[in-house]
Amino acid sequence: MSKIESYQLDLAIPMNEEDVFHFDDSRPHFDGLCRKNGITYWFARDFMKMIGYQTFQSFQKAVQKAIASCTTLGIDIMENFQQVDREIDGKIEKDYKLSRFACYLTAMNGDSKKPEVARAQAYFAAVAETFKRYIDQAEDVERVLIRDEISLHEKSLSGVAKQAGVTEYHFFQNAGYRGLYNMNMSDLKNRKGLIGKDSSRSLLDFMGKQELAANLFRVTQTEAKMENEGIRGQKAAERAAEAVGRKVRETMIEISGDTPESLPLARDLKQVKGDLKASSKEFKRLDK
């Protein structure tokens, strides 16, 4: 059982309010660190210590990913992440004022190998569930980010392909999938069970984190191969896309033993994004 799962079981046991807000009994409870000045906020440098980070530099990676999540969701960044200069021990340091939702996103983008982060993720996931918004712990937040990265890189790859003389992009795109999955996209959707009203949707919206990451690698490496090798023409581009997909497939099987077509579908990212947006409003309401 994972740290997150075990802590969620603990949360099911009735506790007094102060215990519920502890991520770690050796540290102040979460609401004890908040500050109020027209808004309720937490300083990032306070929050980072609470979830087990030793340096602000390493913690900023989680903050930047959380900010990227806000951007992807179309949620106002300034309402949730305000960069400030703050005097600490006689020195002026960069810091952020984080909203409750920003703390949630930052924890979800944190290093879950840290027990404090795992506890924080479990706590925030449990709070989100009380809003009747089911977020599958940190993975759904990561899926949103990876899916957005794929969209950006697909646009870039499309531009490279066009310059290389690709005139039928859908054939070029399908060649990449064929290399990765050993079948065409239409057959893959049937194999995965994406049927009915969802059959016209991109399969990427239903992929789990592992499968999305494999496709992101496939797309970026296809672009790199075409540029580095100066590939030109429709057929040559299709062969390159298929070769990269096949190489990613071989690597997946070698490392994890999983074939990409055998990985199960995940919850629709449209629903995930909707729940995250709704949760941002609910987190804000908690502080009114």
C-alpha atoms as a PDB file:
ATOM      1  CA  MET A   1       0.000   0.000   0.000  1.00  0.00           C
ATOM      2  CA  SER A   2       1.373   3.456  -0.917  1.00  0.00           C
ATOM      3  CA  LYS A   3       2.028   6.209   1.610  1.00  0.00           C
ATOM      4  CA  ILE A   4      -0.872   8.161   0.132  1.00  0.00           C
ATOM      5  CA  GLU A   5      -3.281   5.243   0.353  1.00  0.00           C
ATOM      6  CA  SER A   6      -2.325   4.410   3.937  1.00  0.00           C
ATOM      7  CA  TYR A   7      -2.729   8.014   5.035  1.00  0.00           C
ATOM      8  CA  GLN A   8      -6.132   8.221   3.367  1.00  0.00           C
ATOM      9  CA  LEU A   9      -7.207   5.271   5.494  1.00  0.00           C
ATOM     10  CA  ASP A  10      -6.025   7.208   8.555  1.00  0.00           C
ATOM     11  CA  LEU A  11      -8.145  10.172   7.464  1.00  0.00           C
ATOM     12  CA  ALA A  12     -11.225   7.965   7.540  1.00  0.00           C
ATOM     13  CA  ILE A  13     -10.794   7.610  11.315  1.00  0.00           C
ATOM     14  CA  PRO A  14     -12.582  10.403  13.238  1.00  0.00           C
ATOM     15  CA  MET A  15     -10.039  12.917  14.577  1.00  0.00           C
ATOM     16  CA  ASN A  16     -10.264  16.305  16.184  1.00  0.00           C
ATOM     17  CA  GLU A  17      -9.827  19.342  13.937  1.00  0.00           C
ATOM     18  CA  GLU A  18      -6.229  20.097  14.935  1.00  0.00           C
ATOM     19  CA  ASP A  19      -5.086  16.551  14.147  1.00  0.00           C
ATOM     20  CA  VAL A  20      -6.708  16.646  10.710  1.00  0.00           C
ATOM     21  CA  PHE A  21      -4.627  19.661   9.687  1.00  0.00           C
ATOM     22  CA  HIS A  22      -1.308  18.092  10.646  1.00  0.00           C
ATOM     23  CA  PHE A  23       0.838  16.679   7.853  1.00  0.00           C
ATOM     24  CA  ASP A  24       3.487  15.767  10.402  1.00  0.00           C
ATOM     25  CA  ASP A  25       3.097  15.929  14.172  1.00  0.00           C
ATOM     26  CA  SER A  26       6.607  17.381  14.534  1.00  0.00           C
ATOM     27  CA  ARG A  27       5.614  20.497  12.538  1.00  0.00           C
ATOM     28  CA  PRO A  28       2.961  23.228  12.867  1.00  0.00           C
ATOM     29  CA  HIS A  29      -0.431  22.287  11.476  1.00  0.00           C
ATOM     30  CA  PHE A  30      -1.345  23.623   8.049  1.00  0.00           C
ATOM     31  CA  ASP A  31      -3.868  26.289   9.037  1.00  0.00           C
ATOM     32  CA  GLY A  32      -1.508  27.438  11.802  1.00  0.00           C
ATOM     33  CA  LEU A  33       0.874  28.712   9.110  1.00  0.00           C
ATOM     34  CA  CYS A  34      -1.648  30.817   7.185  1.00  0.00           C
ATOM     35  CA  ARG A  35      -1.574  34.606   7.213  1.00  0.00           C
ATOM     36  CA  LYS A  36      -4.402  37.042   6.604  1.00  0.00           C
ATOM     37  CA  ASN A  37      -4.091  40.468   5.033  1.00  0.00           C
ATOM     38  CA  GLY A  38      -7.208  40.976   2.960  1.00  0.00           C
ATOM     39  CA  ILE A  39      -6.602  37.447   1.661  1.00  0.00           C
ATOM     40  CA  THR A  40      -5.620  34.180   3.299  1.00  0.00           C
ATOM     41  CA  TYR A  41      -2.224  32.950   2.168  1.00  0.00           C
ATOM     42  CA  TRP A  42       0.765  30.799   3.055  1.00  0.00           C
ATOM     43  CA  PHE A  43       4.362  31.821   2.409  1.00  0.00           C
ATOM     44  CA  ALA A  44       6.024  29.273   0.123  1.00  0.00           C
ATOM     45  CA  ARG A  45       9.138  29.177   2.308  1.00  0.00           C
ATOM     46  CA  ASP A  46       6.987  28.205   5.306  1.00  0.00           C
ATOM     47  CA  PHE A  47       5.009  25.646   3.352  1.00  0.00           C
ATOM     48  CA  MET A  48       8.130  24.038   1.869  1.00  0.00           C
ATOM     49  CA  LYS A  49       9.473  23.172   5.326  1.00  0.00           C
ATOM     50  CA  MET A  50       6.122  21.711   6.251  1.00  0.00           C
ATOM     51  CA  ILE A  51       6.298  19.263   3.340  1.00  0.00           C
ATOM     52  CA  GLY A  52       9.898  18.237   3.765  1.00  0.00           C
ATOM     53  CA  TYR A  53      11.903  20.445   1.393  1.00  0.00           C
ATOM     54  CA  GLN A  54      15.270  21.715   2.601  1.00  0.00           C
ATOM     55  CA  THR A  55      16.051  24.307  -0.072  1.00  0.00           C
ATOM     56  CA  PHE A  56      13.886  26.856  -1.840  1.00  0.00           C
ATOM     57  CA  GLN A  57      15.661  26.076  -5.107  1.00  0.00           C
ATOM     58  CA  SER A  58      14.454  22.459  -5.097  1.00  0.00           C
ATOM     59  CA  PHE A  59      10.986  23.487  -3.900  1.00  0.00           C
ATOM     60  CA  GLN A  60      10.591  26.003  -6.725  1.00  0.00           C
ATOM     61  CA  LYS A  61      10.379  23.119  -9.212  1.00  0.00           C
ATOM     62  CA  ALA A  62       7.095  22.044  -7.595  1.00  0.00           C
ATOM     63  CA  VAL A  63       5.873  25.664  -7.491  1.00  0.00           C
ATOM     64  CA  GLN A  64       6.664  26.213 -11.184  1.00  0.00           C
ATOM     65  CA  LYS A  65       4.829  23.018 -12.147  1.00  0.00           C
ATOM     66  CA  ALA A  66       1.866  24.184 -10.046  1.00  0.00           C
ATOM     67  CA  ILE A  67       1.897  27.541 -11.854  1.00  0.00           C
ATOM     68  CA  ALA A  68       1.993  25.675 -15.192  1.00  0.00           C
ATOM     69  CA  SER A  69      -1.042  23.668 -14.039  1.00  0.00           C
ATOM     70  CA  CYS A  70      -2.904  26.928 -13.347  1.00  0.00           C
ATOM     71  CA  THR A  71      -1.999  28.232 -16.797  1.00  0.00           C
ATOM     72  CA  THR A  72      -3.215  25.039 -18.456  1.00  0.00           C
ATOM     73  CA  LEU A  73      -6.499  25.195 -16.548  1.00  0.00           C
ATOM     74  CA  GLY A  74      -7.027  28.891 -17.344  1.00  0.00           C
ATOM     75  CA  ILE A  75      -7.043  29.807 -13.645  1.00  0.00           C
ATOM     76  CA  ASP A  76      -5.773  33.248 -12.619  1.00  0.00           C
ATOM     77  CA  ILE A  77      -2.125  32.873 -11.559  1.00  0.00           C
ATOM     78  CA  MET A  78      -1.934  36.158  -9.628  1.00  0.00           C
ATOM     79  CA  GLU A  79      -4.877  35.159  -7.455  1.00  0.00           C
ATOM     80  CA  ASN A  80      -2.990  32.066  -6.367  1.00  0.00           C
ATOM     81  CA  PHE A  81       0.762  32.750  -6.708  1.00  0.00           C
ATOM     82  CA  GLN A  82       2.036  36.207  -5.782  1.00  0.00           C
ATOM     83  CA  GLN A  83       5.822  36.592  -5.990  1.00  0.00           C
ATOM     84  CA  VAL A  84       7.135  38.839  -3.222  1.00  0.00           C
ATOM     85  CA  ASP A  85      10.384  40.002  -1.660  1.00  0.00           C
ATOM     86  CA  ARG A  86      10.470  39.101   2.026  1.00  0.00           C
ATOM     87  CA  GLU A  87      12.957  39.797   4.820  1.00  0.00           C
ATOM     88  CA  ILE A  88      14.125  36.571   6.472  1.00  0.00           C
ATOM     89  CA  ASP A  89      16.884  36.593   9.090  1.00  0.00           C
ATOM     90  CA  GLY A  90      17.968  40.055   8.002  1.00  0.00           C
ATOM     91  CA  LYS A  91      18.159  39.160   4.289  1.00  0.00           C
ATOM     92  CA  ILE A  92      15.735  39.949   1.474  1.00  0.00           C
ATOM     93  CA  GLU A  93      14.627  36.676  -0.111  1.00  0.00           C
ATOM     94  CA  LYS A  94      12.318  35.824  -2.999  1.00  0.00           C
ATOM     95  CA  ASP A  95       9.119  34.135  -1.876  1.00  0.00           C
ATOM     96  CA  TYR A  96       5.537  33.477  -2.939  1.00  0.00           C
ATOM     97  CA  LYS A  97       2.211  34.093  -1.280  1.00  0.00           C
ATOM     98  CA  LEU A  98       0.285  30.893  -1.993  1.00  0.00           C
ATOM     99  CA  SER A  99      -3.487  30.534  -1.845  1.00  0.00           C
ATOM    100  CA  ARG A 100      -4.939  27.363  -0.360  1.00  0.00           C
ATOM    101  CA  PHE A 101      -5.476  26.066  -3.914  1.00  0.00           C
ATOM    102  CA  ALA A 102      -1.864  26.966  -4.794  1.00  0.00           C
ATOM    103  CA  CYS A 103      -0.694  24.918  -1.792  1.00  0.00           C
ATOM    104  CA  TYR A 104      -2.831  22.052  -3.065  1.00  0.00           C
ATOM    105  CA  LEU A 105      -1.383  22.210  -6.593  1.00  0.00           C
ATOM    106  CA  THR A 106       2.163  22.596  -5.269  1.00  0.00           C
ATOM    107  CA  ALA A 107       1.779  19.560  -3.011  1.00  0.00           C
ATOM    108  CA  MET A 108       0.310  17.547  -5.867  1.00  0.00           C
ATOM    109  CA  ASN A 109       3.322  18.467  -8.012  1.00  0.00           C
ATOM    110  CA  GLY A 110       5.788  17.737  -5.215  1.00  0.00           C
ATOM    111  CA  ASP A 111       8.121  14.801  -4.737  1.00  0.00           C
ATOM    112  CA  SER A 112       5.845  12.058  -3.390  1.00  0.00           C
ATOM    113  CA  LYS A 113       8.906  10.061  -2.276  1.00  0.00           C
ATOM    114  CA  LYS A 114       9.050  12.518   0.603  1.00  0.00           C
ATOM    115  CA  PRO A 115       6.707  11.209   3.326  1.00  0.00           C
ATOM    116  CA  GLU A 116       5.633  14.766   4.186  1.00  0.00           C
ATOM    117  CA  VAL A 117       4.610  15.401   0.567  1.00  0.00           C
ATOM    118  CA  ALA A 118       2.704  12.108   0.458  1.00  0.00           C
ATOM    119  CA  ARG A 119       0.816  13.105   3.610  1.00  0.00           C
ATOM    120  CA  ALA A 120       0.033  16.535   2.184  1.00  0.00           C
ATOM    121  CA  GLN A 121      -1.176  14.995  -1.089  1.00  0.00           C
ATOM    122  CA  ALA A 122      -3.416  12.627   0.824  1.00  0.00           C
ATOM    123  CA  TYR A 123      -4.816  15.429   2.960  1.00  0.00           C
ATOM    124  CA  PHE A 124      -5.611  17.681  -0.015  1.00  0.00           C
ATOM    125  CA  ALA A 125      -7.058  14.769  -2.015  1.00  0.00           C
ATOM    126  CA  ALA A 126      -9.351  14.005   0.924  1.00  0.00           C
ATOM    127  CA  VAL A 127     -10.444  17.661   1.109  1.00  0.00           C
ATOM    128  CA  ALA A 128     -11.146  17.687  -2.649  1.00  0.00           C
ATOM    129  CA  GLU A 129     -13.294  14.586  -2.225  1.00  0.00           C
ATOM    130  CA  THR A 130     -15.426  16.423   0.353  1.00  0.00           C
ATOM    131  CA  PHE A 131     -16.300  18.814  -2.503  1.00  0.00           C
ATOM    132  CA  LYS A 132     -17.476  15.717  -4.388  1.00  0.00           C
ATOM    133  CA  ARG A 133     -14.618  16.368  -6.832  1.00  0.00           C
ATOM    134  CA  TYR A 134     -12.677  13.163  -7.332  1.00  0.00           C
ATOM    135  CA  ILE A 135      -9.044  13.817  -8.250  1.00  0.00           C
ATOM    136  CA  ASP A 136      -6.881  10.710  -8.495  1.00  0.00           C
ATOM    137  CA  GLN A 137      -4.212  12.059  -6.166  1.00  0.00           C
ATOM    138  CA  ALA A 138      -1.184  13.589  -7.872  1.00  0.00           C
ATOM    139  CA  GLU A 139      -1.345  11.602 -11.110  1.00  0.00           C
ATOM    140  CA  ASP A 140      -4.328  13.443 -12.580  1.00  0.00           C
ATOM    141  CA  VAL A 141      -2.588  16.797 -12.065  1.00  0.00           C
ATOM    142  CA  GLU A 142       0.528  15.438 -13.806  1.00  0.00           C
ATOM    143  CA  ARG A 143      -1.604  14.076 -16.655  1.00  0.00           C
ATOM    144  CA  VAL A 144      -2.998  17.570 -17.283  1.00  0.00           C
ATOM    145  CA  LEU A 145       0.531  18.982 -17.565  1.00  0.00           C
ATOM    146  CA  ILE A 146       1.903  16.215 -19.787  1.00  0.00           C
ATOM    147  CA  ARG A 147      -1.119  16.387 -22.092  1.00  0.00           C
ATOM    148  CA  ASP A 148      -0.592  20.119 -22.506  1.00  0.00           C
ATOM    149  CA  GLU A 149       3.102  19.548 -23.279  1.00  0.00           C
ATOM    150  CA  ILE A 150       2.176  17.024 -25.967  1.00  0.00           C
ATOM    151  CA  SER A 151      -0.178  19.551 -27.592  1.00  0.00           C
ATOM    152  CA  LEU A 152       2.586  22.153 -27.698  1.00  0.00           C
ATOM    153  CA  HIS A 153       5.136  19.724 -29.139  1.00  0.00           C
ATOM    154  CA  GLU A 154       2.652  18.351 -31.674  1.00  0.00           C
ATOM    155  CA  LYS A 155       2.205  21.898 -33.020  1.00  0.00           C
ATOM    156  CA  SER A 156       5.963  22.234 -33.262  1.00  0.00           C
ATOM    157  CA  LEU A 157       6.277  18.840 -34.966  1.00  0.00           C
ATOM    158  CA  SER A 158       3.538  19.807 -37.409  1.00  0.00           C
ATOM    159  CA  GLY A 159       5.564  22.862 -38.422  1.00  0.00           C
ATOM    160  CA  VAL A 160       8.716  20.787 -38.904  1.00  0.00           C
ATOM    161  CA  ALA A 161       6.790  18.206 -40.935  1.00  0.00           C
ATOM    162  CA  LYS A 162       5.281  20.882 -43.154  1.00  0.00           C
ATOM    163  CA  GLN A 163       8.729  22.330 -43.874  1.00  0.00           C
ATOM    164  CA  ALA A 164       9.928  18.797 -44.676  1.00  0.00           C
ATOM    165  CA  GLY A 165       7.286  18.454 -47.376  1.00  0.00           C
ATOM    166  CA  VAL A 166       4.673  16.445 -45.448  1.00  0.00           C
ATOM    167  CA  THR A 167       1.340  17.180 -47.135  1.00  0.00           C
ATOM    168  CA  GLU A 168      -0.846  14.541 -45.457  1.00  0.00           C
ATOM    169  CA  TYR A 169      -0.126  15.043 -41.782  1.00  0.00           C
ATOM    170  CA  HIS A 170      -2.657  12.477 -40.547  1.00  0.00           C
ATOM    171  CA  PHE A 171      -0.726   9.689 -42.322  1.00  0.00           C
ATOM    172  CA  PHE A 172       2.532  10.962 -40.808  1.00  0.00           C
ATOM    173  CA  GLN A 173       0.930  11.134 -37.354  1.00  0.00           C
ATOM    174  CA  ASN A 174      -0.556   7.655 -37.674  1.00  0.00           C
ATOM    175  CA  ALA A 175       2.879   6.252 -38.613  1.00  0.00           C
ATOM    176  CA  GLY A 176       4.206   7.377 -35.242  1.00  0.00           C
ATOM    177  CA  TYR A 177       1.359   5.671 -33.417  1.00  0.00           C
ATOM    178  CA  ARG A 178       1.801   2.551 -35.544  1.00  0.00           C
ATOM    179  CA  GLY A 179       5.434   2.317 -34.507  1.00  0.00           C
ATOM    180  CA  LEU A 180       4.614   2.725 -30.807  1.00  0.00           C
ATOM    181  CA  TYR A 181       1.527   0.511 -30.690  1.00  0.00           C
ATOM    182  CA  ASN A 182       2.068  -1.962 -33.538  1.00  0.00           C
ATOM    183  CA  MET A 183      -1.281  -0.953 -35.016  1.00  0.00           C
ATOM    184  CA  ASN A 184      -3.067   1.982 -36.629  1.00  0.00           C
ATOM    185  CA  MET A 185      -4.933   4.524 -34.517  1.00  0.00           C
ATOM    186  CA  SER A 186      -8.404   3.265 -35.522  1.00  0.00           C
ATOM    187  CA  ASP A 187      -7.509  -0.271 -34.442  1.00  0.00           C
ATOM    188  CA  LEU A 188      -5.909   1.051 -31.265  1.00  0.00           C
ATOM    189  CA  LYS A 189      -9.081   2.876 -30.233  1.00  0.00           C
ATOM    190  CA  ASN A 190     -11.058  -0.340 -30.691  1.00  0.00           C
ATOM    191  CA  ARG A 191      -8.449  -2.287 -28.724  1.00  0.00           C
ATOM    192  CA  LYS A 192      -8.584   0.262 -25.898  1.00  0.00           C
ATOM    193  CA  GLY A 193     -12.377   0.333 -25.881  1.00  0.00           C
ATOM    194  CA  LEU A 194     -12.755   3.983 -26.846  1.00  0.00           C
ATOM    195  CA  ILE A 195     -16.106   3.703 -28.577  1.00  0.00           C
ATOM    196  CA  GLY A 196     -19.403   5.544 -28.905  1.00  0.00           C
ATOM    197  CA  LYS A 197     -19.494   9.311 -28.435  1.00  0.00           C
ATOM    198  CA  ASP A 198     -15.864   9.361 -27.307  1.00  0.00           C
ATOM    199  CA  SER A 199     -14.525   7.586 -30.399  1.00  0.00           C
ATOM    200  CA  SER A 200     -13.917  10.897 -32.210  1.00  0.00           C
ATOM    201  CA  ARG A 201     -11.889  12.271 -29.278  1.00  0.00           C
ATOM    202  CA  SER A 202      -8.126  12.127 -29.065  1.00  0.00           C
ATOM    203  CA  LEU A 203      -6.947   8.996 -27.293  1.00  0.00           C
ATOM    204  CA  LEU A 204      -4.409  11.202 -25.508  1.00  0.00           C
ATOM    205  CA  ASP A 205      -7.235  12.582 -23.341  1.00  0.00           C
ATOM    206  CA  PHE A 206      -7.784   9.101 -21.888  1.00  0.00           C
ATOM    207  CA  MET A 207      -4.181   7.991 -21.383  1.00  0.00           C
ATOM    208  CA  GLY A 208      -2.596   7.489 -17.983  1.00  0.00           C
ATOM    209  CA  LYS A 209       0.630   9.189 -16.953  1.00  0.00           C
ATOM    210  CA  GLN A 210       2.971   6.425 -18.160  1.00  0.00           C
ATOM    211  CA  GLU A 211       1.396   6.252 -21.611  1.00  0.00           C
ATOM    212  CA  LEU A 212       1.259  10.034 -21.991  1.00  0.00           C
ATOM    213  CA  ALA A 213       4.939  10.296 -21.077  1.00  0.00           C
ATOM    214  CA  ALA A 214       5.809   7.706 -23.725  1.00  0.00           C
ATOM    215  CA  ASN A 215       3.925   9.667 -26.364  1.00  0.00           C
ATOM    216  CA  LEU A 216       5.552  12.936 -25.316  1.00  0.00           C
ATOM    217  CA  PHE A 217       8.958  11.308 -25.761  1.00  0.00           C
ATOM    218  CA  ARG A 218       7.879   9.893 -29.136  1.00  0.00           C
ATOM    219  CA  VAL A 219       6.747  13.300 -30.418  1.00  0.00           C
ATOM    220  CA  THR A 220       9.816  15.223 -29.228  1.00  0.00           C
ATOM    221  CA  GLN A 221      12.230  12.604 -30.576  1.00  0.00           C
ATOM    222  CA  THR A 222      10.467  12.460 -33.943  1.00  0.00           C
ATOM    223  CA  GLU A 223      10.927  16.201 -34.290  1.00  0.00           C
ATOM    224  CA  ALA A 224      14.606  15.915 -33.281  1.00  0.00           C
ATOM    225  CA  LYS A 225      15.248  13.085 -35.747  1.00  0.00           C
ATOM    226  CA  MET A 226      13.675  14.943 -38.657  1.00  0.00           C
ATOM    227  CA  GLU A 227      15.641  18.112 -37.961  1.00  0.00           C
ATOM    228  CA  ASN A 228      18.966  16.412 -37.172  1.00  0.00           C
ATOM    229  CA  GLU A 229      18.846  14.122 -40.202  1.00  0.00           C
ATOM    230  CA  GLY A 230      17.339  16.637 -42.620  1.00  0.00           C
ATOM    231  CA  ILE A 231      14.531  14.248 -43.573  1.00  0.00           C
ATOM    232  CA  ARG A 232      12.426  15.375 -46.540  1.00  0.00           C
ATOM    233  CA  GLY A 233       9.288  14.051 -48.215  1.00  0.00           C
ATOM    234  CA  GLN A 234       6.056  12.394 -47.077  1.00  0.00           C
ATOM    235  CA  LYS A 235       7.210   8.763 -47.162  1.00  0.00           C
ATOM    236  CA  ALA A 236      10.606   9.442 -45.587  1.00  0.00           C
ATOM    237  CA  ALA A 237       8.904  11.389 -42.791  1.00  0.00           C
ATOM    238  CA  GLU A 238       6.433   8.555 -42.176  1.00  0.00           C
ATOM    239  CA  ARG A 239       9.293   6.036 -41.969  1.00  0.00           C
ATOM    240  CA  ALA A 240      11.089   8.271 -39.471  1.00  0.00           C
ATOM    241  CA  ALA A 241       7.973   8.690 -37.297  1.00  0.00           C
ATOM    242  CA  GLU A 242       7.349   4.943 -37.299  1.00  0.00           C
ATOM    243  CA  ALA A 243      10.985   4.160 -36.478  1.00  0.00           C
ATOM    244  CA  VAL A 244      10.948   6.503 -33.464  1.00  0.00           C
ATOM    245  CA  GLY A 245       7.655   5.043 -32.245  1.00  0.00           C
ATOM    246  CA  ARG A 246       9.065   1.523 -32.527  1.00  0.00           C
ATOM    247  CA  LYS A 247      12.169   2.512 -30.560  1.00  0.00           C
ATOM    248  CA  VAL A 248      10.063   4.017 -27.753  1.00  0.00           C
ATOM    249  CA  ARG A 249       7.983   0.821 -27.728  1.00  0.00           C
ATOM    250  CA  GLU A 250      11.080  -1.349 -27.380  1.00  0.00           C
ATOM    251  CA  THR A 251      12.356   0.837 -24.540  1.00  0.00           C
ATOM    252  CA  MET A 252       9.045   0.643 -22.674  1.00  0.00           C
ATOM    253  CA  ILE A 253       8.948  -3.128 -22.912  1.00  0.00           C
ATOM    254  CA  GLU A 254      12.578  -3.409 -21.867  1.00  0.00           C
ATOM    255  CA  ILE A 255      12.189  -1.170 -18.807  1.00  0.00           C
ATOM    256  CA  SER A 256       8.682  -1.900 -17.523  1.00  0.00           C
ATOM    257  CA  GLY A 257       7.591  -5.012 -19.407  1.00  0.00           C
ATOM    258  CA  ASP A 258       4.428  -3.156 -20.478  1.00  0.00           C
ATOM    259  CA  THR A 259       3.258  -2.824 -24.053  1.00  0.00           C
ATOM    260  CA  PRO A 260       1.591   0.577 -24.523  1.00  0.00           C
ATOM    261  CA  GLU A 261      -1.558  -0.939 -26.038  1.00  0.00           C
ATOM    262  CA  SER A 262      -2.076  -3.012 -22.865  1.00  0.00           C
ATOM    263  CA  LEU A 263      -2.180   0.039 -20.564  1.00  0.00           C
ATOM    264  CA  PRO A 264      -5.710   0.819 -19.346  1.00  0.00           C
ATOM    265  CA  LEU A 265      -7.644   3.966 -20.161  1.00  0.00           C
ATOM    266  CA  ALA A 266      -7.717   6.663 -17.496  1.00  0.00           C
ATOM    267  CA  ARG A 267     -10.436   9.129 -16.569  1.00  0.00           C
ATOM    268  CA  ASP A 268     -11.315  11.686 -19.241  1.00  0.00           C
ATOM    269  CA  LEU A 269      -9.045  14.721 -18.853  1.00  0.00           C
ATOM    270  CA  LYS A 270     -11.998  16.995 -19.631  1.00  0.00           C
ATOM    271  CA  GLN A 271     -13.597  15.752 -16.408  1.00  0.00           C
ATOM    272  CA  VAL A 272     -10.310  16.072 -14.521  1.00  0.00           C
ATOM    273  CA  LYS A 273      -9.869  19.679 -15.630  1.00  0.00           C
ATOM    274  CA  GLY A 274     -13.472  20.468 -14.760  1.00  0.00           C
ATOM    275  CA  ASP A 275     -13.036  19.036 -11.278  1.00  0.00           C
ATOM    276  CA  LEU A 276      -9.764  20.907 -10.740  1.00  0.00           C
ATOM    277  CA  LYS A 277     -11.376  24.205 -11.770  1.00  0.00           C
ATOM    278  CA  ALA A 278     -14.347  23.571  -9.493  1.00  0.00           C
ATOM    279  CA  SER A 279     -12.005  22.626  -6.648  1.00  0.00           C
ATOM    280  CA  SER A 280     -10.147  25.933  -7.005  1.00  0.00           C
ATOM    281  CA  LYS A 281     -13.401  27.769  -6.268  1.00  0.00           C
ATOM    282  CA  GLU A 282     -14.179  25.489  -3.334  1.00  0.00           C
ATOM    283  CA  PHE A 283     -10.719  25.969  -1.808  1.00  0.00           C
ATOM    284  CA  LYS A 284     -11.184  29.742  -2.115  1.00  0.00           C
ATOM    285  CA  ARG A 285     -14.579  29.497  -0.427  1.00  0.00           C
ATOM    286  CA  LEU A 286     -12.991  27.800   2.589  1.00  0.00           C
ATOM    287  CA  ASP A 287     -11.148  31.034   3.422  1.00  0.00           C
ATOM    288  CA  LYS A 288     -14.133  33.383   3.144  1.00  0.00           C
END
